[in-house]
Amino acid sequence: MNRTAVRLGVLLLAAVAVVAVLLALLPPSSTGTYGEEGGENARASAVAVKKLGERDHELTVTSAALGREGRVRVLLPQGWTPGSGPWPVLYLLNGCCQSGYDTWVTKGGAAELTSGYPALVVIPESGPVGFYSDWREGPGWETFHLTEVRTVLERDYGAGDRRAVAGLSMGGFGAMSYAARHPGMFQAAASFSGVLHTRDGNGGVDWLLGQYGEESVKLWGPPQDPEWAAHNPADLTGALRGTRLFVSSGDGSPGPLDDASEARDEGEASLLLQAVTFVERAKANGADVAVDFYGPGTHSWPYWRRGLERSLPMLMGSIGAAV
C-alpha cells in the first residue's frame, strides 16, 4: 500500500471518530419512535414547554393525529424533578363548548384540589365537540390523548402505568369510553354530568355537533353504524368490571350551588336519565360504582368542582396516590 493510501485511511478513521464523539455529545432528540397498543409504530411528538408556575406547565404538542399542534396542561406533584418517577397520572377531561381547553384549572379548581396528591394531573385539549374519538373524517382525539400525549408524559415527565380519568359532560363520556375501550389502561374513572348513553335518542350528540357545523356521520358514521355502540359508555359497561367508577349528576332543578333565579336545566335532567341507565348496566355487569345522584343541581361548574372533590380520594387511591 502506498503512502498516500495510508494517509487517506488514517484521515478517514479520524473523521469517523470525530463524528462519533460529536453525536455522543448531542442532547437526546425530542422525537423518537414508540409503539401503540395495536402494534403500529408512531412518531413521538415534539413539545414546546411554557412554565406557568412552580407546578404548572403548558405543553404545545406537535400532533400527527390532529394534523396540527395540540395543547396540554400538566400540574406537577410536590417533589417532582426531571427524571423522577414513575408517577401516577390523573387525566381531567373537558366538556364541550368550553371557553378554554384548561377550564379545569381556570374554573374547576383542579390545581388547589389536587395539590396534596403525589400524582401528575393532565388536562389535554379536546376540541369543542371532539367527543374523545378518532373521527372518520377529522381529527384523531383518541390517538392524541392515549398515544401521543401519554408517550410525551412517560418520556418527559416520568409518568407511570397507574392512571385514573375523570371528566365533565362530554368529558364524562370520554372518561368512561376511554376506560372501557382500553381495558387495564385506567384503574378508575369518574363522570360528572356525563353523556353516558349516546344511543338514547342520540344522546344530544347531533345537536351539539350541529352547534359547531359538524355532522355525526363524520364522527361515527350513520346512527346504525357499529361505531356508535363501540364508543357508547352504556353499551360498554361489561368492559368496566375491575375499574372503580364514580358517577354523579343533578336532576336539573336549581340547587344549593345555583342562584335562586336559576331556571330548571332540562339538559342536566336528561343526562341524569342517561347516568341512571349507565349505572344500572354497570352494576349488572359487576362493576364497582360509587353513585352521587345529588338531586337539585344544574349543568354548571360548582357541581363539577364538587364532584371532583368528592371523587378524588377514590381516584387517587386507586392509582396509589392517596394523601
C-alpha atoms as a PDB file:
ATOM      1  CA  MET A   1       0.000   0.000   0.000  1.00  0.00           C
ATOM      2  CA  ASN A   2       1.464   3.378  -0.956  1.00  0.00           C
ATOM      3  CA  ARG A   3       1.990   6.231   1.467  1.00  0.00           C
ATOM      4  CA  THR A   4      -0.905   8.297   0.051  1.00  0.00           C
ATOM      5  CA  ALA A   5      -3.404   5.496   0.622  1.00  0.00           C
ATOM      6  CA  VAL A   6      -2.221   5.083   4.213  1.00  0.00           C
ATOM      7  CA  ARG A   7      -2.685   8.793   4.875  1.00  0.00           C
ATOM      8  CA  LEU A   8      -6.192   8.728   3.404  1.00  0.00           C
ATOM      9  CA  GLY A   9      -7.077   5.751   5.595  1.00  0.00           C
ATOM     10  CA  VAL A  10      -5.830   7.493   8.726  1.00  0.00           C
ATOM     11  CA  LEU A  11      -7.750  10.665   7.846  1.00  0.00           C
ATOM     12  CA  LEU A  12     -10.934   8.665   7.235  1.00  0.00           C
ATOM     13  CA  LEU A  13     -10.670   6.882  10.588  1.00  0.00           C
ATOM     14  CA  ALA A  14     -10.061  10.202  12.347  1.00  0.00           C
ATOM     15  CA  ALA A  15     -13.127  11.750  10.684  1.00  0.00           C
ATOM     16  CA  VAL A  16     -15.298   8.814  11.748  1.00  0.00           C
ATOM     17  CA  ALA A  17     -14.036   9.135  15.319  1.00  0.00           C
ATOM     18  CA  VAL A  18     -14.803  12.875  15.393  1.00  0.00           C
ATOM     19  CA  VAL A  19     -18.358  12.303  14.102  1.00  0.00           C
ATOM     20  CA  ALA A  20     -18.940   9.608  16.732  1.00  0.00           C
ATOM     21  CA  VAL A  21     -17.796  11.938  19.524  1.00  0.00           C
ATOM     22  CA  LEU A  22     -19.987  14.775  18.266  1.00  0.00           C
ATOM     23  CA  LEU A  23     -23.021  12.508  18.046  1.00  0.00           C
ATOM     24  CA  ALA A  24     -22.430  11.315  21.610  1.00  0.00           C
ATOM     25  CA  LEU A  25     -22.364  14.921  22.813  1.00  0.00           C
ATOM     26  CA  LEU A  26     -25.662  15.865  21.187  1.00  0.00           C
ATOM     27  CA  PRO A  27     -28.699  16.126  23.517  1.00  0.00           C
ATOM     28  CA  PRO A  28     -31.366  13.443  23.177  1.00  0.00           C
ATOM     29  CA  SER A  29     -33.799  14.142  20.342  1.00  0.00           C
ATOM     30  CA  SER A  30     -37.292  15.375  21.204  1.00  0.00           C
ATOM     31  CA  THR A  31     -38.686  12.882  18.728  1.00  0.00           C
ATOM     32  CA  GLY A  32     -38.463   9.136  18.641  1.00  0.00           C
ATOM     33  CA  THR A  33     -40.442   6.006  17.896  1.00  0.00           C
ATOM     34  CA  TYR A  34     -42.868   4.349  20.218  1.00  0.00           C
ATOM     35  CA  GLY A  35     -45.348   1.521  19.857  1.00  0.00           C
ATOM     36  CA  GLU A  36     -49.096   1.891  20.160  1.00  0.00           C
ATOM     37  CA  GLU A  37     -51.126  -0.899  21.741  1.00  0.00           C
ATOM     38  CA  GLY A  38     -52.274  -2.050  18.326  1.00  0.00           C
ATOM     39  CA  GLY A  39     -48.648  -2.670  17.378  1.00  0.00           C
ATOM     40  CA  GLU A  40     -48.310   0.172  14.898  1.00  0.00           C
ATOM     41  CA  ASN A  41     -45.339   2.455  15.378  1.00  0.00           C
ATOM     42  CA  ALA A  42     -45.892   6.203  15.629  1.00  0.00           C
ATOM     43  CA  ARG A  43     -43.534   9.132  15.868  1.00  0.00           C
ATOM     44  CA  ALA A  44     -43.222  10.660  19.328  1.00  0.00           C
ATOM     45  CA  SER A  45     -44.214  14.286  19.346  1.00  0.00           C
ATOM     46  CA  ALA A  46     -42.052  17.370  19.585  1.00  0.00           C
ATOM     47  CA  VAL A  47     -43.042  19.526  22.534  1.00  0.00           C
ATOM     48  CA  ALA A  48     -42.673  23.165  23.488  1.00  0.00           C
ATOM     49  CA  VAL A  49     -42.992  23.796  27.236  1.00  0.00           C
ATOM     50  CA  LYS A  50     -44.189  27.015  28.841  1.00  0.00           C
ATOM     51  CA  LYS A  51     -43.812  27.165  32.627  1.00  0.00           C
ATOM     52  CA  LEU A  52     -46.845  28.961  34.045  1.00  0.00           C
ATOM     53  CA  GLY A  53     -45.942  28.348  37.672  1.00  0.00           C
ATOM     54  CA  GLU A  54     -43.887  26.203  40.015  1.00  0.00           C
ATOM     55  CA  ARG A  55     -46.001  23.111  39.341  1.00  0.00           C
ATOM     56  CA  ASP A  56     -47.850  24.253  36.236  1.00  0.00           C
ATOM     57  CA  HIS A  57     -46.620  23.531  32.696  1.00  0.00           C
ATOM     58  CA  GLU A  58     -48.381  24.195  29.406  1.00  0.00           C
ATOM     59  CA  LEU A  59     -47.274  21.915  26.573  1.00  0.00           C
ATOM     60  CA  THR A  60     -47.702  22.556  22.881  1.00  0.00           C
ATOM     61  CA  VAL A  61     -47.517  19.161  21.203  1.00  0.00           C
ATOM     62  CA  THR A  62     -46.932  18.642  17.502  1.00  0.00           C
ATOM     63  CA  SER A  63     -49.622  16.064  16.758  1.00  0.00           C
ATOM     64  CA  ALA A  64     -49.834  13.852  13.694  1.00  0.00           C
ATOM     65  CA  ALA A  65     -53.229  12.600  14.908  1.00  0.00           C
ATOM     66  CA  LEU A  66     -54.711  16.099  14.941  1.00  0.00           C
ATOM     67  CA  GLY A  67     -52.802  17.386  11.948  1.00  0.00           C
ATOM     68  CA  ARG A  68     -51.820  20.441  13.975  1.00  0.00           C
ATOM     69  CA  GLU A  69     -50.467  21.419  17.369  1.00  0.00           C
ATOM     70  CA  GLY A  70     -52.433  20.478  20.486  1.00  0.00           C
ATOM     71  CA  ARG A  71     -52.131  21.885  23.980  1.00  0.00           C
ATOM     72  CA  VAL A  72     -51.866  20.088  27.304  1.00  0.00           C
ATOM     73  CA  ARG A  73     -51.786  21.473  30.838  1.00  0.00           C
ATOM     74  CA  VAL A  74     -49.684  19.452  33.308  1.00  0.00           C
ATOM     75  CA  LEU A  75     -49.829  20.023  37.068  1.00  0.00           C
ATOM     76  CA  LEU A  76     -46.770  18.583  38.786  1.00  0.00           C
ATOM     77  CA  PRO A  77     -46.782  16.868  42.183  1.00  0.00           C
ATOM     78  CA  GLN A  78     -44.632  18.045  45.057  1.00  0.00           C
ATOM     79  CA  GLY A  79     -41.190  16.516  44.770  1.00  0.00           C
ATOM     80  CA  TRP A  80     -41.286  16.181  41.004  1.00  0.00           C
ATOM     81  CA  THR A  81     -37.957  16.749  39.289  1.00  0.00           C
ATOM     82  CA  PRO A  82     -36.820  15.914  35.749  1.00  0.00           C
ATOM     83  CA  GLY A  83     -36.031  12.229  35.630  1.00  0.00           C
ATOM     84  CA  SER A  84     -38.130  11.356  38.677  1.00  0.00           C
ATOM     85  CA  GLY A  85     -40.918   8.805  38.644  1.00  0.00           C
ATOM     86  CA  PRO A  86     -42.750   6.712  37.841  1.00  0.00           C
ATOM     87  CA  TRP A  87     -45.655   8.977  38.868  1.00  0.00           C
ATOM     88  CA  PRO A  88     -49.342   8.026  38.880  1.00  0.00           C
ATOM     89  CA  VAL A  89     -51.436  10.093  36.460  1.00  0.00           C
ATOM     90  CA  LEU A  90     -54.897  11.649  36.687  1.00  0.00           C
ATOM     91  CA  TYR A  91     -56.402  12.835  33.399  1.00  0.00           C
ATOM     92  CA  LEU A  92     -59.085  15.535  33.645  1.00  0.00           C
ATOM     93  CA  LEU A  93     -61.226  15.776  30.515  1.00  0.00           C
ATOM     94  CA  ASN A  94     -63.133  18.843  29.330  1.00  0.00           C
ATOM     95  CA  GLY A  95     -66.768  19.182  28.429  1.00  0.00           C
ATOM     96  CA  CYS A  96     -67.952  20.507  25.128  1.00  0.00           C
ATOM     97  CA  CYS A  97     -68.147  24.129  24.155  1.00  0.00           C
ATOM     98  CA  GLN A  98     -65.748  25.417  26.831  1.00  0.00           C
ATOM     99  CA  SER A  99     -64.213  28.875  26.598  1.00  0.00           C
ATOM    100  CA  GLY A 100     -60.723  27.377  27.039  1.00  0.00           C
ATOM    101  CA  TYR A 101     -59.102  23.971  26.904  1.00  0.00           C
ATOM    102  CA  ASP A 102     -57.877  24.284  30.515  1.00  0.00           C
ATOM    103  CA  THR A 103     -61.097  25.256  32.313  1.00  0.00           C
ATOM    104  CA  TRP A 104     -60.471  22.520  34.882  1.00  0.00           C
ATOM    105  CA  VAL A 105     -57.778  24.897  36.146  1.00  0.00           C
ATOM    106  CA  THR A 106     -59.420  28.256  35.456  1.00  0.00           C
ATOM    107  CA  LYS A 107     -62.934  27.296  36.667  1.00  0.00           C
ATOM    108  CA  GLY A 108     -62.776  23.853  38.265  1.00  0.00           C
ATOM    109  CA  GLY A 109     -60.188  24.416  40.979  1.00  0.00           C
ATOM    110  CA  ALA A 110     -58.084  21.482  39.797  1.00  0.00           C
ATOM    111  CA  ALA A 111     -54.763  22.982  40.891  1.00  0.00           C
ATOM    112  CA  GLU A 112     -55.773  23.545  44.503  1.00  0.00           C
ATOM    113  CA  LEU A 113     -57.879  20.394  44.841  1.00  0.00           C
ATOM    114  CA  THR A 114     -55.030  18.142  43.646  1.00  0.00           C
ATOM    115  CA  SER A 115     -52.087  19.990  45.187  1.00  0.00           C
ATOM    116  CA  GLY A 116     -51.568  17.500  48.019  1.00  0.00           C
ATOM    117  CA  TYR A 117     -51.630  14.357  45.894  1.00  0.00           C
ATOM    118  CA  PRO A 118     -48.423  12.675  44.630  1.00  0.00           C
ATOM    119  CA  ALA A 119     -49.601  12.388  41.022  1.00  0.00           C
ATOM    120  CA  LEU A 120     -49.316  14.150  37.702  1.00  0.00           C
ATOM    121  CA  VAL A 121     -52.562  15.879  36.744  1.00  0.00           C
ATOM    122  CA  VAL A 122     -53.043  16.210  32.998  1.00  0.00           C
ATOM    123  CA  ILE A 123     -55.624  18.354  31.189  1.00  0.00           C
ATOM    124  CA  PRO A 124     -55.422  17.820  27.410  1.00  0.00           C
ATOM    125  CA  GLU A 125     -57.105  19.862  24.726  1.00  0.00           C
ATOM    126  CA  SER A 126     -60.110  18.006  23.320  1.00  0.00           C
ATOM    127  CA  GLY A 127     -61.795  20.337  20.846  1.00  0.00           C
ATOM    128  CA  PRO A 128     -65.177  21.979  21.420  1.00  0.00           C
ATOM    129  CA  VAL A 129     -67.023  18.852  20.220  1.00  0.00           C
ATOM    130  CA  GLY A 130     -64.231  16.321  19.727  1.00  0.00           C
ATOM    131  CA  PHE A 131     -66.066  13.532  21.579  1.00  0.00           C
ATOM    132  CA  TYR A 132     -62.853  11.772  22.502  1.00  0.00           C
ATOM    133  CA  SER A 133     -62.755   9.756  19.303  1.00  0.00           C
ATOM    134  CA  ASP A 134     -60.739   9.305  16.155  1.00  0.00           C
ATOM    135  CA  TRP A 135     -63.141  10.813  13.655  1.00  0.00           C
ATOM    136  CA  ARG A 136     -63.877   9.101  10.381  1.00  0.00           C
ATOM    137  CA  GLU A 137     -63.395  12.452   8.712  1.00  0.00           C
ATOM    138  CA  GLY A 138     -61.482  14.696  11.046  1.00  0.00           C
ATOM    139  CA  PRO A 139     -59.048  14.755  13.957  1.00  0.00           C
ATOM    140  CA  GLY A 140     -57.852  11.748  15.944  1.00  0.00           C
ATOM    141  CA  TRP A 141     -58.531  12.830  19.532  1.00  0.00           C
ATOM    142  CA  GLU A 142     -58.338   9.328  20.990  1.00  0.00           C
ATOM    143  CA  THR A 143     -54.911   8.756  19.454  1.00  0.00           C
ATOM    144  CA  PHE A 144     -53.760  12.211  20.514  1.00  0.00           C
ATOM    145  CA  HIS A 145     -54.716  11.629  24.140  1.00  0.00           C
ATOM    146  CA  LEU A 146     -53.933   7.954  24.671  1.00  0.00           C
ATOM    147  CA  THR A 147     -50.887   7.553  22.423  1.00  0.00           C
ATOM    148  CA  GLU A 148     -49.207  10.874  21.692  1.00  0.00           C
ATOM    149  CA  VAL A 149     -49.840  12.703  24.990  1.00  0.00           C
ATOM    150  CA  ARG A 150     -49.290   9.536  27.024  1.00  0.00           C
ATOM    151  CA  THR A 151     -45.932   8.986  25.366  1.00  0.00           C
ATOM    152  CA  VAL A 152     -44.851  12.581  25.994  1.00  0.00           C
ATOM    153  CA  LEU A 153     -45.790  12.228  29.669  1.00  0.00           C
ATOM    154  CA  GLU A 154     -43.861   8.987  30.035  1.00  0.00           C
ATOM    155  CA  ARG A 155     -40.851  10.298  28.146  1.00  0.00           C
ATOM    156  CA  ASP A 156     -40.588  13.791  29.633  1.00  0.00           C
ATOM    157  CA  TYR A 157     -42.423  13.678  32.974  1.00  0.00           C
ATOM    158  CA  GLY A 158     -41.859  10.205  34.389  1.00  0.00           C
ATOM    159  CA  ALA A 159     -45.497   9.115  34.069  1.00  0.00           C
ATOM    160  CA  GLY A 160     -46.064   5.528  35.108  1.00  0.00           C
ATOM    161  CA  ASP A 161     -48.730   2.968  34.259  1.00  0.00           C
ATOM    162  CA  ARG A 162     -51.145   3.760  37.108  1.00  0.00           C
ATOM    163  CA  ARG A 163     -53.832   6.041  35.673  1.00  0.00           C
ATOM    164  CA  ALA A 164     -57.251   7.469  36.513  1.00  0.00           C
ATOM    165  CA  VAL A 165     -59.505   9.570  34.307  1.00  0.00           C
ATOM    166  CA  ALA A 166     -62.373  11.941  35.098  1.00  0.00           C
ATOM    167  CA  GLY A 167     -64.427  14.382  33.080  1.00  0.00           C
ATOM    168  CA  LEU A 168     -67.487  16.591  32.940  1.00  0.00           C
ATOM    169  CA  SER A 169     -70.326  16.383  30.409  1.00  0.00           C
ATOM    170  CA  MET A 170     -68.640  15.369  27.112  1.00  0.00           C
ATOM    171  CA  GLY A 171     -65.552  14.638  29.238  1.00  0.00           C
ATOM    172  CA  GLY A 172     -67.611  12.232  31.354  1.00  0.00           C
ATOM    173  CA  PHE A 173     -68.339  10.397  28.129  1.00  0.00           C
ATOM    174  CA  GLY A 174     -64.612  10.453  27.353  1.00  0.00           C
ATOM    175  CA  ALA A 175     -63.641   9.097  30.766  1.00  0.00           C
ATOM    176  CA  MET A 176     -65.979   6.098  30.624  1.00  0.00           C
ATOM    177  CA  SER A 177     -65.470   5.434  26.920  1.00  0.00           C
ATOM    178  CA  TYR A 178     -61.673   5.516  27.226  1.00  0.00           C
ATOM    179  CA  ALA A 179     -61.665   3.288  30.297  1.00  0.00           C
ATOM    180  CA  ALA A 180     -63.935   0.739  28.604  1.00  0.00           C
ATOM    181  CA  ARG A 181     -62.275   0.824  25.189  1.00  0.00           C
ATOM    182  CA  HIS A 182     -58.795   0.374  26.676  1.00  0.00           C
ATOM    183  CA  PRO A 183     -59.167  -2.188  29.476  1.00  0.00           C
ATOM    184  CA  GLY A 184     -56.368  -2.005  32.022  1.00  0.00           C
ATOM    185  CA  MET A 185     -55.150   1.437  30.966  1.00  0.00           C
ATOM    186  CA  PHE A 186     -57.139   3.169  33.730  1.00  0.00           C
ATOM    187  CA  GLN A 187     -57.682   1.860  37.236  1.00  0.00           C
ATOM    188  CA  ALA A 188     -60.523   4.322  37.946  1.00  0.00           C
ATOM    189  CA  ALA A 189     -62.884   6.609  36.029  1.00  0.00           C
ATOM    190  CA  ALA A 190     -65.340   9.332  37.052  1.00  0.00           C
ATOM    191  CA  SER A 191     -68.140  11.140  35.243  1.00  0.00           C
ATOM    192  CA  PHE A 192     -69.733  14.411  36.357  1.00  0.00           C
ATOM    193  CA  SER A 193     -72.975  15.156  34.460  1.00  0.00           C
ATOM    194  CA  GLY A 194     -71.607  12.935  31.718  1.00  0.00           C
ATOM    195  CA  VAL A 195     -73.006  11.985  28.317  1.00  0.00           C
ATOM    196  CA  LEU A 196     -73.191   8.274  29.115  1.00  0.00           C
ATOM    197  CA  HIS A 197     -75.735   6.929  26.619  1.00  0.00           C
ATOM    198  CA  THR A 198     -75.159   8.373  23.155  1.00  0.00           C
ATOM    199  CA  ARG A 199     -77.660   5.970  21.545  1.00  0.00           C
ATOM    200  CA  ASP A 200     -80.543   7.050  23.794  1.00  0.00           C
ATOM    201  CA  GLY A 201     -82.249   9.345  21.313  1.00  0.00           C
ATOM    202  CA  ASN A 202     -78.738  10.141  20.036  1.00  0.00           C
ATOM    203  CA  GLY A 203     -77.828  11.458  23.489  1.00  0.00           C
ATOM    204  CA  GLY A 204     -77.749  15.027  22.201  1.00  0.00           C
ATOM    205  CA  VAL A 205     -74.687  14.312  20.067  1.00  0.00           C
ATOM    206  CA  ASP A 206     -76.212  15.528  16.789  1.00  0.00           C
ATOM    207  CA  TRP A 207     -77.421  18.741  18.394  1.00  0.00           C
ATOM    208  CA  LEU A 208     -74.055  19.517  19.982  1.00  0.00           C
ATOM    209  CA  LEU A 209     -72.164  18.806  16.775  1.00  0.00           C
ATOM    210  CA  GLY A 210     -74.581  20.952  14.831  1.00  0.00           C
ATOM    211  CA  GLN A 211     -73.786  23.939  17.026  1.00  0.00           C
ATOM    212  CA  TYR A 212     -70.278  23.835  15.568  1.00  0.00           C
ATOM    213  CA  GLY A 213     -71.209  22.975  11.998  1.00  0.00           C
ATOM    214  CA  GLU A 214     -70.226  19.310  12.335  1.00  0.00           C
ATOM    215  CA  GLU A 215     -72.090  16.124  11.414  1.00  0.00           C
ATOM    216  CA  SER A 216     -72.235  12.887  13.382  1.00  0.00           C
ATOM    217  CA  VAL A 217     -71.660  10.815  10.230  1.00  0.00           C
ATOM    218  CA  LYS A 218     -68.151  12.297  10.116  1.00  0.00           C
ATOM    219  CA  LEU A 219     -67.671  11.199  13.727  1.00  0.00           C
ATOM    220  CA  TRP A 220     -69.030   7.625  13.975  1.00  0.00           C
ATOM    221  CA  GLY A 221     -70.955   7.185  10.743  1.00  0.00           C
ATOM    222  CA  PRO A 222     -74.750   6.750  10.361  1.00  0.00           C
ATOM    223  CA  PRO A 223     -76.722   6.091  13.596  1.00  0.00           C
ATOM    224  CA  GLN A 224     -76.995   2.351  12.858  1.00  0.00           C
ATOM    225  CA  ASP A 225     -73.233   2.012  12.361  1.00  0.00           C
ATOM    226  CA  PRO A 226     -71.471  -0.256  14.917  1.00  0.00           C
ATOM    227  CA  GLU A 227     -69.100   2.599  15.786  1.00  0.00           C
ATOM    228  CA  TRP A 228     -71.863   4.254  17.808  1.00  0.00           C
ATOM    229  CA  ALA A 229     -72.131   1.275  20.152  1.00  0.00           C
ATOM    230  CA  ALA A 230     -68.347   0.797  20.097  1.00  0.00           C
ATOM    231  CA  HIS A 231     -67.912   4.226  21.729  1.00  0.00           C
ATOM    232  CA  ASN A 232     -71.077   4.400  23.851  1.00  0.00           C
ATOM    233  CA  PRO A 233     -70.397   4.023  27.607  1.00  0.00           C
ATOM    234  CA  ALA A 234     -73.822   2.462  28.271  1.00  0.00           C
ATOM    235  CA  ASP A 235     -73.022  -0.276  25.742  1.00  0.00           C
ATOM    236  CA  LEU A 236     -69.539  -0.897  27.130  1.00  0.00           C
ATOM    237  CA  THR A 237     -70.191  -1.458  30.829  1.00  0.00           C
ATOM    238  CA  GLY A 238     -69.120  -5.096  30.599  1.00  0.00           C
ATOM    239  CA  ALA A 239     -65.587  -3.912  29.896  1.00  0.00           C
ATOM    240  CA  LEU A 240     -65.538  -1.804  33.077  1.00  0.00           C
ATOM    241  CA  ARG A 241     -65.543  -4.686  35.532  1.00  0.00           C
ATOM    242  CA  GLY A 242     -62.405  -4.240  37.626  1.00  0.00           C
ATOM    243  CA  THR A 243     -62.318  -0.462  37.111  1.00  0.00           C
ATOM    244  CA  ARG A 244     -63.510   1.658  40.031  1.00  0.00           C
ATOM    245  CA  LEU A 245     -66.200   4.085  38.883  1.00  0.00           C
ATOM    246  CA  PHE A 246     -67.772   7.294  40.196  1.00  0.00           C
ATOM    247  CA  VAL A 247     -70.905   8.767  38.585  1.00  0.00           C
ATOM    248  CA  SER A 248     -72.606  11.999  39.640  1.00  0.00           C
ATOM    249  CA  SER A 249     -75.420  14.095  38.216  1.00  0.00           C
ATOM    250  CA  GLY A 250     -78.115  16.513  39.317  1.00  0.00           C
ATOM    251  CA  ASP A 251     -81.803  16.462  38.396  1.00  0.00           C
ATOM    252  CA  GLY A 252     -81.790  19.860  36.670  1.00  0.00           C
ATOM    253  CA  SER A 253     -83.763  21.783  39.246  1.00  0.00           C
ATOM    254  CA  PRO A 254     -81.957  24.735  40.860  1.00  0.00           C
ATOM    255  CA  GLY A 255     -79.825  23.508  43.749  1.00  0.00           C
ATOM    256  CA  PRO A 256     -77.787  24.845  46.655  1.00  0.00           C
ATOM    257  CA  LEU A 257     -74.913  25.955  44.402  1.00  0.00           C
ATOM    258  CA  ASP A 258     -77.166  27.846  41.953  1.00  0.00           C
ATOM    259  CA  ASP A 259     -78.543  31.354  42.020  1.00  0.00           C
ATOM    260  CA  ALA A 260     -82.080  31.497  43.374  1.00  0.00           C
ATOM    261  CA  SER A 261     -83.313  32.792  39.997  1.00  0.00           C
ATOM    262  CA  GLU A 262     -81.824  29.866  38.028  1.00  0.00           C
ATOM    263  CA  ALA A 263     -84.277  28.132  35.686  1.00  0.00           C
ATOM    264  CA  ARG A 264     -84.728  24.377  35.530  1.00  0.00           C
ATOM    265  CA  ASP A 265     -81.989  22.763  33.420  1.00  0.00           C
ATOM    266  CA  GLU A 266     -83.592  20.190  31.122  1.00  0.00           C
ATOM    267  CA  GLY A 267     -80.200  19.207  29.735  1.00  0.00           C
ATOM    268  CA  GLU A 268     -78.965  18.106  33.153  1.00  0.00           C
ATOM    269  CA  ALA A 269     -82.253  16.279  33.762  1.00  0.00           C
ATOM    270  CA  SER A 270     -81.709  14.341  30.522  1.00  0.00           C
ATOM    271  CA  LEU A 271     -78.137  13.475  31.484  1.00  0.00           C
ATOM    272  CA  LEU A 272     -79.353  12.114  34.818  1.00  0.00           C
ATOM    273  CA  LEU A 273     -81.543   9.609  32.955  1.00  0.00           C
ATOM    274  CA  GLN A 274     -78.520   8.536  30.903  1.00  0.00           C
ATOM    275  CA  ALA A 275     -76.468   8.176  34.088  1.00  0.00           C
ATOM    276  CA  VAL A 276     -79.134   6.022  35.730  1.00  0.00           C
ATOM    277  CA  THR A 277     -79.147   3.660  32.736  1.00  0.00           C
ATOM    278  CA  PHE A 278     -75.348   3.507  32.715  1.00  0.00           C
ATOM    279  CA  VAL A 279     -75.137   2.768  36.457  1.00  0.00           C
ATOM    280  CA  GLU A 280     -77.813   0.053  36.270  1.00  0.00           C
ATOM    281  CA  ARG A 281     -75.966  -1.683  33.445  1.00  0.00           C
ATOM    282  CA  ALA A 282     -72.563  -1.267  35.096  1.00  0.00           C
ATOM    283  CA  LYS A 283     -73.782  -2.782  38.358  1.00  0.00           C
ATOM    284  CA  ALA A 284     -75.477  -5.639  36.487  1.00  0.00           C
ATOM    285  CA  ASN A 285     -72.103  -6.345  34.883  1.00  0.00           C
ATOM    286  CA  GLY A 286     -70.344  -6.467  38.239  1.00  0.00           C
ATOM    287  CA  ALA A 287     -68.649  -3.048  38.124  1.00  0.00           C
ATOM    288  CA  ASP A 288     -67.689  -1.204  41.307  1.00  0.00           C
ATOM    289  CA  VAL A 289     -69.723   2.042  41.058  1.00  0.00           C
ATOM    290  CA  ALA A 290     -69.953   4.887  43.562  1.00  0.00           C
ATOM    291  CA  VAL A 291     -73.057   6.963  42.806  1.00  0.00           C
ATOM    292  CA  ASP A 292     -73.750  10.586  43.680  1.00  0.00           C
ATOM    293  CA  PHE A 293     -77.174  11.487  42.313  1.00  0.00           C
ATOM    294  CA  TYR A 294     -77.461  14.580  44.467  1.00  0.00           C
ATOM    295  CA  GLY A 295     -80.894  15.823  43.462  1.00  0.00           C
ATOM    296  CA  PRO A 296     -81.242  19.562  42.792  1.00  0.00           C
ATOM    297  CA  GLY A 297     -78.392  20.916  40.678  1.00  0.00           C
ATOM    298  CA  THR A 298     -77.809  22.308  37.201  1.00  0.00           C
ATOM    299  CA  HIS A 299     -75.228  21.703  34.476  1.00  0.00           C
ATOM    300  CA  SER A 300     -72.623  24.074  35.894  1.00  0.00           C
ATOM    301  CA  TRP A 301     -69.120  24.361  37.304  1.00  0.00           C
ATOM    302  CA  PRO A 302     -69.892  24.496  41.035  1.00  0.00           C
ATOM    303  CA  TYR A 303     -71.279  20.947  40.863  1.00  0.00           C
ATOM    304  CA  TRP A 304     -68.447  19.601  38.716  1.00  0.00           C
ATOM    305  CA  ARG A 305     -65.854  21.071  41.053  1.00  0.00           C
ATOM    306  CA  ARG A 306     -67.672  19.451  43.986  1.00  0.00           C
ATOM    307  CA  GLY A 307     -67.826  16.184  42.047  1.00  0.00           C
ATOM    308  CA  LEU A 308     -64.069  16.223  41.560  1.00  0.00           C
ATOM    309  CA  GLU A 309     -63.502  16.961  45.234  1.00  0.00           C
ATOM    310  CA  ARG A 310     -65.787  14.103  46.293  1.00  0.00           C
ATOM    311  CA  SER A 311     -64.264  11.599  43.883  1.00  0.00           C
ATOM    312  CA  LEU A 312     -60.578  12.452  44.331  1.00  0.00           C
ATOM    313  CA  PRO A 313     -59.943  10.136  47.303  1.00  0.00           C
ATOM    314  CA  MET A 314     -61.216   7.179  45.267  1.00  0.00           C
ATOM    315  CA  LEU A 315     -59.495   8.223  42.038  1.00  0.00           C
ATOM    316  CA  MET A 316     -56.129   8.872  43.669  1.00  0.00           C
ATOM    317  CA  GLY A 317     -56.359   5.890  45.995  1.00  0.00           C
ATOM    318  CA  SER A 318     -56.943   3.601  43.016  1.00  0.00           C
ATOM    319  CA  ILE A 319     -53.629   4.637  41.447  1.00  0.00           C
ATOM    320  CA  GLY A 320     -51.551   4.579  44.624  1.00  0.00           C
ATOM    321  CA  ALA A 321     -51.565   8.354  45.090  1.00  0.00           C
ATOM    322  CA  ALA A 322     -53.582   8.739  48.282  1.00  0.00           C
ATOM    323  CA  VAL A 323     -52.562  11.620  50.533  1.00  0.00           C
END
